[in-house]
Protein backbone atom coordinates (compact mmCIF):
# COMPACT_ATOMS: atom_id res chain seq x y z
CA MET A 1 14.33 11.08 -19.11
CA LYS A 2 14.53 7.30 -18.65
CA ALA A 3 15.25 7.71 -14.95
CA PHE A 4 12.23 9.97 -14.53
CA LEU A 5 9.91 7.52 -16.29
CA ALA A 6 11.29 4.64 -14.24
CA ALA A 7 10.68 6.61 -11.03
CA VAL A 8 7.11 7.43 -12.07
CA ALA A 9 6.47 3.78 -12.94
CA ALA A 10 7.89 2.66 -9.58
CA MET A 11 5.73 5.21 -7.77
CA VAL A 12 2.60 3.94 -9.52
CA VAL A 13 3.42 0.31 -8.71
CA ILE A 14 4.08 1.12 -5.05
CA THR A 15 0.91 3.21 -4.78
CA VAL A 16 -1.22 0.41 -6.19
CA ALA A 17 0.46 -2.44 -4.31
CA ALA A 18 0.76 -0.82 -0.86
CA PRO A 19 -2.89 -1.20 0.26
CA PHE A 20 -2.91 -4.88 -0.69
CA ALA A 21 0.40 -5.54 1.05
CA LEU A 22 -0.66 -3.72 4.21
CA GLN A 23 -3.96 -5.60 4.28
CA GLN A 24 -2.13 -8.92 4.02
CA ILE A 25 0.02 -8.18 7.07
CA GLY A 26 -2.96 -6.91 9.07
CA SER A 27 -2.08 -3.26 9.20
CA SER A 28 -4.98 -0.86 8.84
CA ALA A 29 -6.22 2.41 10.32
CA ALA A 30 -8.85 0.51 12.32
CA ASP A 31 -6.23 -1.83 13.79
CA SER A 32 -3.84 0.96 14.73
CA GLY A 33 -6.61 3.12 16.24
CA THR A 34 -7.99 0.51 18.60
CA SER A 35 -6.43 -1.43 21.42
CA SER A 36 -7.23 -2.81 24.83
CA ALA A 37 -5.84 0.39 26.41
CA VAL A 38 -8.59 2.59 24.98
CA ARG A 39 -10.93 3.91 27.66
CA LEU A 40 -14.57 4.14 26.63
CA ASP A 41 -15.92 5.78 29.83
């Protein structure tokens, strides 16, 4: 039971911290969906 609760706690921490960490390194859906190779014709 302790292992399950530890896993749930780790999952919550990762879920909450991931968006902030990804924003700090400059990774976002807008950044990955745009580039200089996109043709707008």
